[in-house]
Amino acid sequence: GPDWAAKGGSATCISRTHLVVR
């Protein structure tokens, strides 16, 4: 599955196809 990393106080969802910053 996607990997979650804390970046800039925001959750970054790194997927195999795309990257979504929330």
PDB file of N, CA and C in Angstrom:
ATOM      1  N   GLY A   1       0.811  -1.203   0.000  1.00  0.00           N
ATOM      2  CA  GLY A   1       0.000   0.000   0.000  1.00  0.00           C
ATOM      3  C   GLY A   1       0.848   1.256   0.000  1.00  0.00           C
ATOM      4  N   PRO A   2       0.201   2.414   0.019  1.00  0.00           N
ATOM      5  CA  PRO A   2       0.908   3.697   0.019  1.00  0.00           C
ATOM      6  C   PRO A   2       1.657   3.930   1.327  1.00  0.00           C
ATOM      7  N   ASP A   3       2.675   4.761   1.238  1.00  0.00           N
ATOM      8  CA  ASP A   3       3.459   5.074   2.432  1.00  0.00           C
ATOM      9  C   ASP A   3       3.104   6.471   2.928  1.00  0.00           C
ATOM     10  N   TRP A   4       2.932   6.601   4.255  1.00  0.00           N
ATOM     11  CA  TRP A   4       2.592   7.894   4.832  1.00  0.00           C
ATOM     12  C   TRP A   4       3.806   8.476   5.530  1.00  0.00           C
ATOM     13  N   ALA A   5       4.070   9.749   5.254  1.00  0.00           N
ATOM     14  CA  ALA A   5       5.206  10.415   5.876  1.00  0.00           C
ATOM     15  C   ALA A   5       4.801  11.818   6.329  1.00  0.00           C
ATOM     16  N   ALA A   6       5.250  12.186   7.524  1.00  0.00           N
ATOM     17  CA  ALA A   6       4.956  13.519   8.041  1.00  0.00           C
ATOM     18  C   ALA A   6       5.915  14.525   7.414  1.00  0.00           C
ATOM     19  N   LYS A   7       5.371  15.489   6.697  1.00  0.00           N
ATOM     20  CA  LYS A   7       6.214  16.466   6.019  1.00  0.00           C
ATOM     21  C   LYS A   7       5.589  17.859   6.118  1.00  0.00           C
ATOM     22  N   GLY A   8       6.302  18.760   6.761  1.00  0.00           N
ATOM     23  CA  GLY A   8       5.802  20.126   6.891  1.00  0.00           C
ATOM     24  C   GLY A   8       4.520  20.180   7.704  1.00  0.00           C
ATOM     25  N   GLY A   9       4.342  19.203   8.602  1.00  0.00           N
ATOM     26  CA  GLY A   9       3.141  19.175   9.424  1.00  0.00           C
ATOM     27  C   GLY A   9       1.935  18.678   8.642  1.00  0.00           C
ATOM     28  N   SER A  10       2.171  18.249   7.393  1.00  0.00           N
ATOM     29  CA  SER A  10       1.082  17.731   6.576  1.00  0.00           C
ATOM     30  C   SER A  10       1.318  16.263   6.249  1.00  0.00           C
ATOM     31  N   ALA A  11       0.244  15.567   5.985  1.00  0.00           N
ATOM     32  CA  ALA A  11       0.376  14.150   5.658  1.00  0.00           C
ATOM     33  C   ALA A  11       0.618  13.981   4.166  1.00  0.00           C
ATOM     34  N   THR A  12       1.677  13.292   3.837  1.00  0.00           N
ATOM     35  CA  THR A  12       1.995  13.066   2.422  1.00  0.00           C
ATOM     36  C   THR A  12       1.779  11.598   2.072  1.00  0.00           C
ATOM     37  N   CYS A  13       0.851  11.366   1.177  1.00  0.00           N
ATOM     38  CA  CYS A  13       0.559   9.999   0.771  1.00  0.00           C
ATOM     39  C   CYS A  13       1.321   9.678  -0.504  1.00  0.00           C
ATOM     40  N   ILE A  14       2.315   8.830  -0.366  1.00  0.00           N
ATOM     41  CA  ILE A  14       3.113   8.458  -1.534  1.00  0.00           C
ATOM     42  C   ILE A  14       2.617   7.135  -2.113  1.00  0.00           C
ATOM     43  N   SER A  15       1.989   7.221  -3.251  1.00  0.00           N
ATOM     44  CA  SER A  15       1.470   6.026  -3.898  1.00  0.00           C
ATOM     45  C   SER A  15       2.407   5.576  -5.010  1.00  0.00           C
ATOM     46  N   ARG A  16       2.171   4.414  -5.527  1.00  0.00           N
ATOM     47  CA  ARG A  16       3.031   3.894  -6.585  1.00  0.00           C
ATOM     48  C   ARG A  16       2.793   4.624  -7.896  1.00  0.00           C
ATOM     49  N   THR A  17       1.655   5.284  -7.984  1.00  0.00           N
ATOM     50  CA  THR A  17       1.316   5.947  -9.238  1.00  0.00           C
ATOM     51  C   THR A  17       1.292   7.466  -9.098  1.00  0.00           C
ATOM     52  N   HIS A  18       1.012   7.965  -7.886  1.00  0.00           N
ATOM     53  CA  HIS A  18       0.918   9.408  -7.720  1.00  0.00           C
ATOM     54  C   HIS A  18       1.242   9.816  -6.298  1.00  0.00           C
ATOM     55  N   LEU A  19       1.404  11.102  -6.083  1.00  0.00           N
ATOM     56  CA  LEU A  19       1.698  11.630  -4.761  1.00  0.00           C
ATOM     57  C   LEU A  19       0.654  12.673  -4.394  1.00  0.00           C
ATOM     58  N   VAL A  20      -0.006  12.449  -3.258  1.00  0.00           N
ATOM     59  CA  VAL A  20      -1.059  13.365  -2.839  1.00  0.00           C
ATOM     60  C   VAL A  20      -0.669  14.045  -1.540  1.00  0.00           C
ATOM     61  N   VAL A  21      -0.680  15.359  -1.549  1.00  0.00           N
ATOM     62  CA  VAL A  21      -0.331  16.113  -0.341  1.00  0.00           C
ATOM     63  C   VAL A  21      -1.598  16.682   0.273  1.00  0.00           C
ATOM     64  N   ARG A  22      -1.838  16.337   1.537  1.00  0.00           N
ATOM     65  CA  ARG A  22      -3.027  16.850   2.215  1.00  0.00           C
ATOM     66  C   ARG A  22      -2.627  17.610   3.467  1.00  0.00           C
TER      67      ARG A  22
END
